[in-house]
């Protein structure tokens, strides 16, 4: 775990500038059993579970989500690519916040959002027996899932920066990193 301190500046509802400082962490691999308690009590606002620049696969992310679950922080999972199959699998194991890498355009942002939504607004495949549905015990999961998913897109190139306004206006994009 790499601890980070993130400072976010923004304008409040009154128009006054505000600054928020939050501790967070970046996880690149397996969480050793002894580290779980430390993570759960570290006071992180969020933890990034990175599968883009790590060897972590779906099973490792599931283990990470289970290790972080008791902590009062939000896990954010970064898939290796903006791919609907990978995104579906991460959502099915219980990820609720995703940081989609290498988003270059509004079209790619729309594709990322569509991968997190069931038909008719998206392309996410349906399975009633996943960890996300608590193995079929969440009533109306397919209709409500999009209300509990946070889609963050990562703008990582100069080309993407020229498209940032169009990316920001995509319905369903909750933030840009």
C-alpha atoms as a PDB file:
ATOM      1  CA  UNK A   1       0.000   0.000   0.000  1.00  0.00           C
ATOM      2  CA  UNK A   2       1.361   3.375  -0.988  1.00  0.00           C
ATOM      3  CA  UNK A   3      -0.167   6.029   1.290  1.00  0.00           C
ATOM      4  CA  UNK A   4      -1.125   9.282  -0.423  1.00  0.00           C
ATOM      5  CA  UNK A   5      -2.483  12.583   0.743  1.00  0.00           C
ATOM      6  CA  UNK A   6      -4.735  14.179  -1.809  1.00  0.00           C
ATOM      7  CA  UNK A   7      -5.693  17.822  -1.706  1.00  0.00           C
ATOM      8  CA  UNK A   8      -8.767  18.725  -3.721  1.00  0.00           C
ATOM      9  CA  UNK A   9      -9.677  22.345  -4.323  1.00  0.00           C
ATOM     10  CA  UNK A  10     -13.162  23.267  -5.455  1.00  0.00           C
ATOM     11  CA  UNK A  11     -15.843  25.912  -5.091  1.00  0.00           C
ATOM     12  CA  UNK A  12     -18.582  25.323  -2.544  1.00  0.00           C
ATOM     13  CA  UNK A  13     -22.261  26.052  -3.068  1.00  0.00           C
ATOM     14  CA  UNK A  14     -21.695  29.578  -1.786  1.00  0.00           C
ATOM     15  CA  UNK A  15     -19.058  30.159  -4.450  1.00  0.00           C
ATOM     16  CA  UNK A  16     -16.284  30.300  -1.843  1.00  0.00           C
ATOM     17  CA  UNK A  17     -13.123  28.331  -2.581  1.00  0.00           C
ATOM     18  CA  UNK A  18     -12.754  25.246  -0.402  1.00  0.00           C
ATOM     19  CA  UNK A  19      -9.999  22.702   0.081  1.00  0.00           C
ATOM     20  CA  UNK A  20     -10.447  19.109   1.131  1.00  0.00           C
ATOM     21  CA  UNK A  21      -7.487  17.034   2.284  1.00  0.00           C
ATOM     22  CA  UNK A  22      -8.025  13.286   2.362  1.00  0.00           C
ATOM     23  CA  UNK A  23      -5.642  10.447   3.044  1.00  0.00           C
ATOM     24  CA  UNK A  24      -5.837   7.599   0.595  1.00  0.00           C
ATOM     25  CA  UNK A  25      -3.860   4.605  -0.540  1.00  0.00           C
ATOM     26  CA  UNK A  26      -2.875   2.882  -3.763  1.00  0.00           C
ATOM     27  CA  UNK A  27      -2.772  -0.926  -3.726  1.00  0.00           C
ATOM     28  CA  UNK A  28      -0.890  -2.729  -6.479  1.00  0.00           C
ATOM     29  CA  UNK A  29      -1.142  -6.366  -5.412  1.00  0.00           C
ATOM     30  CA  UNK A  30      -2.262  -8.837  -2.805  1.00  0.00           C
ATOM     31  CA  UNK A  31      -3.076  -7.531   0.671  1.00  0.00           C
ATOM     32  CA  UNK A  32      -1.169  -9.669   3.192  1.00  0.00           C
ATOM     33  CA  UNK A  33      -3.308 -10.849   6.111  1.00  0.00           C
ATOM     34  CA  UNK A  34      -1.373  -8.779   8.673  1.00  0.00           C
ATOM     35  CA  UNK A  35      -1.872  -5.618   6.627  1.00  0.00           C
ATOM     36  CA  UNK A  36      -5.664  -5.884   6.564  1.00  0.00           C
ATOM     37  CA  UNK A  37      -6.124  -4.577  10.103  1.00  0.00           C
ATOM     38  CA  UNK A  38      -3.752  -1.686   9.416  1.00  0.00           C
ATOM     39  CA  UNK A  39      -5.664  -0.750   6.244  1.00  0.00           C
ATOM     40  CA  UNK A  40      -8.994  -1.001   8.031  1.00  0.00           C
ATOM     41  CA  UNK A  41      -7.814   1.425  10.729  1.00  0.00           C
ATOM     42  CA  UNK A  42      -5.595   3.767   8.697  1.00  0.00           C
ATOM     43  CA  UNK A  43      -8.291   6.382   8.191  1.00  0.00           C
ATOM     44  CA  UNK A  44      -8.144   6.302   4.407  1.00  0.00           C
ATOM     45  CA  UNK A  45     -11.023   8.042   2.621  1.00  0.00           C
ATOM     46  CA  UNK A  46     -10.520   5.757  -0.374  1.00  0.00           C
ATOM     47  CA  UNK A  47      -8.185   3.040  -1.644  1.00  0.00           C
ATOM     48  CA  UNK A  48      -7.329   2.443  -5.272  1.00  0.00           C
ATOM     49  CA  UNK A  49      -7.116  -1.238  -6.174  1.00  0.00           C
ATOM     50  CA  UNK A  50      -4.963  -1.122  -9.278  1.00  0.00           C
ATOM     51  CA  UNK A  51      -5.158  -3.787 -11.978  1.00  0.00           C
ATOM     52  CA  UNK A  52      -3.752  -1.479 -14.651  1.00  0.00           C
ATOM     53  CA  UNK A  53      -0.149  -1.354 -13.411  1.00  0.00           C
ATOM     54  CA  UNK A  54      -0.060  -4.536 -11.361  1.00  0.00           C
ATOM     55  CA  UNK A  55      -0.327  -8.279 -11.649  1.00  0.00           C
ATOM     56  CA  UNK A  56      -3.716  -8.306  -9.882  1.00  0.00           C
ATOM     57  CA  UNK A  57      -6.406 -10.348 -11.586  1.00  0.00           C
ATOM     58  CA  UNK A  58     -10.133 -10.645 -10.791  1.00  0.00           C
ATOM     59  CA  UNK A  59      -9.601 -13.145  -7.936  1.00  0.00           C
ATOM     60  CA  UNK A  60      -7.048 -10.823  -6.307  1.00  0.00           C
ATOM     61  CA  UNK A  61      -9.440  -7.864  -6.583  1.00  0.00           C
ATOM     62  CA  UNK A  62     -12.174  -9.933  -4.928  1.00  0.00           C
ATOM     63  CA  UNK A  63      -9.788 -10.681  -2.060  1.00  0.00           C
ATOM     64  CA  UNK A  64      -8.866  -6.984  -1.836  1.00  0.00           C
ATOM     65  CA  UNK A  65     -12.537  -5.926  -1.771  1.00  0.00           C
ATOM     66  CA  UNK A  66     -13.189  -8.437   1.015  1.00  0.00           C
ATOM     67  CA  UNK A  67     -10.165  -7.178   2.987  1.00  0.00           C
ATOM     68  CA  UNK A  68     -11.238  -3.548   2.657  1.00  0.00           C
ATOM     69  CA  UNK A  69     -14.983  -4.154   3.298  1.00  0.00           C
ATOM     70  CA  UNK A  70     -14.837  -3.582   7.093  1.00  0.00           C
ATOM     71  CA  UNK A  71     -12.929  -0.309   6.631  1.00  0.00           C
ATOM     72  CA  UNK A  72     -14.752   3.031   6.592  1.00  0.00           C
ATOM     73  CA  UNK A  73     -13.313   3.889   3.182  1.00  0.00           C
ATOM     74  CA  UNK A  74     -14.358   3.532  -0.435  1.00  0.00           C
ATOM     75  CA  UNK A  75     -12.450   1.110  -2.639  1.00  0.00           C
ATOM     76  CA  UNK A  76     -11.945   2.330  -6.200  1.00  0.00           C
ATOM     77  CA  UNK A  77     -10.924  -0.308  -8.749  1.00  0.00           C
ATOM     78  CA  UNK A  78      -8.874   0.623 -11.796  1.00  0.00           C
ATOM     79  CA  UNK A  79      -9.346  -1.963 -14.555  1.00  0.00           C
ATOM     80  CA  UNK A  80      -6.480  -2.510 -16.995  1.00  0.00           C
ATOM     81  CA  UNK A  81      -8.576  -1.324 -19.954  1.00  0.00           C
ATOM     82  CA  UNK A  82     -11.889   0.283 -20.851  1.00  0.00           C
ATOM     83  CA  UNK A  83     -13.461  -3.041 -21.792  1.00  0.00           C
ATOM     84  CA  UNK A  84     -17.094  -3.990 -21.076  1.00  0.00           C
ATOM     85  CA  UNK A  85     -16.241  -7.602 -20.197  1.00  0.00           C
ATOM     86  CA  UNK A  86     -13.554  -6.609 -17.683  1.00  0.00           C
ATOM     87  CA  UNK A  87     -15.786  -3.882 -16.223  1.00  0.00           C
ATOM     88  CA  UNK A  88     -18.727  -6.308 -15.918  1.00  0.00           C
ATOM     89  CA  UNK A  89     -16.578  -8.840 -14.077  1.00  0.00           C
ATOM     90  CA  UNK A  90     -15.319  -6.209 -11.624  1.00  0.00           C
ATOM     91  CA  UNK A  91     -18.854  -4.975 -10.958  1.00  0.00           C
ATOM     92  CA  UNK A  92     -20.104  -8.549 -10.538  1.00  0.00           C
ATOM     93  CA  UNK A  93     -17.574  -9.224  -7.745  1.00  0.00           C
ATOM     94  CA  UNK A  94     -18.760  -6.113  -5.910  1.00  0.00           C
ATOM     95  CA  UNK A  95     -16.709  -3.154  -7.129  1.00  0.00           C
ATOM     96  CA  UNK A  96     -18.866  -0.030  -7.005  1.00  0.00           C
ATOM     97  CA  UNK A  97     -16.370   2.672  -7.950  1.00  0.00           C
ATOM     98  CA  UNK A  98     -14.224   2.340 -11.061  1.00  0.00           C
ATOM     99  CA  UNK A  99     -11.383   4.486 -12.378  1.00  0.00           C
ATOM    100  CA  UNK A 100     -11.310   3.802 -16.111  1.00  0.00           C
ATOM    101  CA  UNK A 101      -7.815   4.413 -17.571  1.00  0.00           C
ATOM    102  CA  UNK A 102      -6.791   6.051 -20.840  1.00  0.00           C
ATOM    103  CA  UNK A 103     -10.088   7.731 -21.706  1.00  0.00           C
ATOM    104  CA  UNK A 104      -9.301   9.871 -24.754  1.00  0.00           C
ATOM    105  CA  UNK A 105     -12.722  11.136 -25.861  1.00  0.00           C
ATOM    106  CA  UNK A 106     -16.383  11.567 -24.978  1.00  0.00           C
ATOM    107  CA  UNK A 107     -17.116   8.464 -27.065  1.00  0.00           C
ATOM    108  CA  UNK A 108     -14.757   6.381 -24.902  1.00  0.00           C
ATOM    109  CA  UNK A 109     -16.297   7.898 -21.751  1.00  0.00           C
ATOM    110  CA  UNK A 110     -19.780   6.937 -23.009  1.00  0.00           C
ATOM    111  CA  UNK A 111     -18.525   3.393 -23.635  1.00  0.00           C
ATOM    112  CA  UNK A 112     -17.206   3.202 -20.064  1.00  0.00           C
ATOM    113  CA  UNK A 113     -20.539   4.362 -18.652  1.00  0.00           C
ATOM    114  CA  UNK A 114     -22.477   1.952 -20.907  1.00  0.00           C
ATOM    115  CA  UNK A 115     -20.366  -0.938 -19.591  1.00  0.00           C
ATOM    116  CA  UNK A 116     -21.656  -0.160 -16.067  1.00  0.00           C
ATOM    117  CA  UNK A 117     -25.345  -0.013 -17.039  1.00  0.00           C
ATOM    118  CA  UNK A 118     -27.841  -2.723 -17.871  1.00  0.00           C
ATOM    119  CA  UNK A 119     -30.092  -2.468 -20.938  1.00  0.00           C
ATOM    120  CA  UNK A 120     -31.735  -0.365 -22.169  1.00  0.00           C
ATOM    121  CA  UNK A 121     -29.178   2.319 -21.198  1.00  0.00           C
ATOM    122  CA  UNK A 122     -26.073   0.150 -21.312  1.00  0.00           C
ATOM    123  CA  UNK A 123     -24.435  -3.093 -22.353  1.00  0.00           C
ATOM    124  CA  UNK A 124     -23.633  -4.776 -19.022  1.00  0.00           C
ATOM    125  CA  UNK A 125     -24.398  -8.470 -19.046  1.00  0.00           C
ATOM    126  CA  UNK A 126     -26.874  -9.837 -16.514  1.00  0.00           C
ATOM    127  CA  UNK A 127     -26.306 -12.546 -13.924  1.00  0.00           C
ATOM    128  CA  UNK A 128     -28.508 -12.815 -10.865  1.00  0.00           C
ATOM    129  CA  UNK A 129     -26.007 -14.882  -8.898  1.00  0.00           C
ATOM    130  CA  UNK A 130     -23.058 -12.574  -8.303  1.00  0.00           C
ATOM    131  CA  UNK A 131     -21.454 -11.098  -5.202  1.00  0.00           C
ATOM    132  CA  UNK A 132     -22.795  -7.684  -6.279  1.00  0.00           C
ATOM    133  CA  UNK A 133     -26.386  -8.986  -6.065  1.00  0.00           C
ATOM    134  CA  UNK A 134     -25.560 -10.775  -2.808  1.00  0.00           C
ATOM    135  CA  UNK A 135     -26.135 -13.923  -4.806  1.00  0.00           C
ATOM    136  CA  UNK A 136     -29.657 -12.991  -5.850  1.00  0.00           C
ATOM    137  CA  UNK A 137     -30.816 -11.443  -2.573  1.00  0.00           C
ATOM    138  CA  UNK A 138     -30.780  -7.755  -3.665  1.00  0.00           C
ATOM    139  CA  UNK A 139     -34.268  -6.950  -4.876  1.00  0.00           C
ATOM    140  CA  UNK A 140     -34.425  -5.039  -8.197  1.00  0.00           C
ATOM    141  CA  UNK A 141     -30.633  -5.011  -8.483  1.00  0.00           C
ATOM    142  CA  UNK A 142     -30.656  -4.633 -12.288  1.00  0.00           C
ATOM    143  CA  UNK A 143     -32.884  -1.561 -12.052  1.00  0.00           C
ATOM    144  CA  UNK A 144     -30.989   0.058  -9.153  1.00  0.00           C
ATOM    145  CA  UNK A 145     -27.342  -0.921  -9.725  1.00  0.00           C
ATOM    146  CA  UNK A 146     -26.452   2.217 -11.701  1.00  0.00           C
ATOM    147  CA  UNK A 147     -27.417   4.377  -8.712  1.00  0.00           C
ATOM    148  CA  UNK A 148     -24.644   2.771  -6.650  1.00  0.00           C
ATOM    149  CA  UNK A 149     -21.889   2.792  -9.274  1.00  0.00           C
ATOM    150  CA  UNK A 150     -19.356   5.604  -9.486  1.00  0.00           C
ATOM    151  CA  UNK A 151     -17.651   5.995 -12.881  1.00  0.00           C
ATOM    152  CA  UNK A 152     -14.407   7.963 -12.796  1.00  0.00           C
ATOM    153  CA  UNK A 153     -12.424   8.386 -15.991  1.00  0.00           C
ATOM    154  CA  UNK A 154      -8.704   8.913 -16.180  1.00  0.00           C
ATOM    155  CA  UNK A 155      -7.466  11.528 -18.633  1.00  0.00           C
ATOM    156  CA  UNK A 156      -3.808  10.709 -19.267  1.00  0.00           C
ATOM    157  CA  UNK A 157      -2.731  12.362 -22.517  1.00  0.00           C
ATOM    158  CA  UNK A 158      -2.516  15.754 -24.146  1.00  0.00           C
ATOM    159  CA  UNK A 159      -5.069  14.608 -26.720  1.00  0.00           C
ATOM    160  CA  UNK A 160      -7.507  13.706 -23.932  1.00  0.00           C
ATOM    161  CA  UNK A 161      -6.936  17.079 -22.282  1.00  0.00           C
ATOM    162  CA  UNK A 162      -8.151  18.786 -25.453  1.00  0.00           C
ATOM    163  CA  UNK A 163     -11.380  16.760 -25.078  1.00  0.00           C
ATOM    164  CA  UNK A 164     -11.839  17.216 -21.327  1.00  0.00           C
ATOM    165  CA  UNK A 165     -14.948  19.405 -21.517  1.00  0.00           C
ATOM    166  CA  UNK A 166     -16.740  16.955 -23.804  1.00  0.00           C
ATOM    167  CA  UNK A 167     -15.673  14.081 -21.517  1.00  0.00           C
ATOM    168  CA  UNK A 168     -16.925  15.955 -18.444  1.00  0.00           C
ATOM    169  CA  UNK A 169     -20.376  16.428 -19.975  1.00  0.00           C
ATOM    170  CA  UNK A 170     -20.953  12.721 -20.598  1.00  0.00           C
ATOM    171  CA  UNK A 171     -23.973  11.625 -18.582  1.00  0.00           C
ATOM    172  CA  UNK A 172     -22.858   9.025 -16.045  1.00  0.00           C
ATOM    173  CA  UNK A 173     -19.266  10.231 -15.667  1.00  0.00           C
ATOM    174  CA  UNK A 174     -19.004  11.065 -11.982  1.00  0.00           C
ATOM    175  CA  UNK A 175     -15.478  12.459 -12.010  1.00  0.00           C
ATOM    176  CA  UNK A 176     -12.245  12.938 -13.914  1.00  0.00           C
ATOM    177  CA  UNK A 177      -8.824  11.996 -12.551  1.00  0.00           C
END
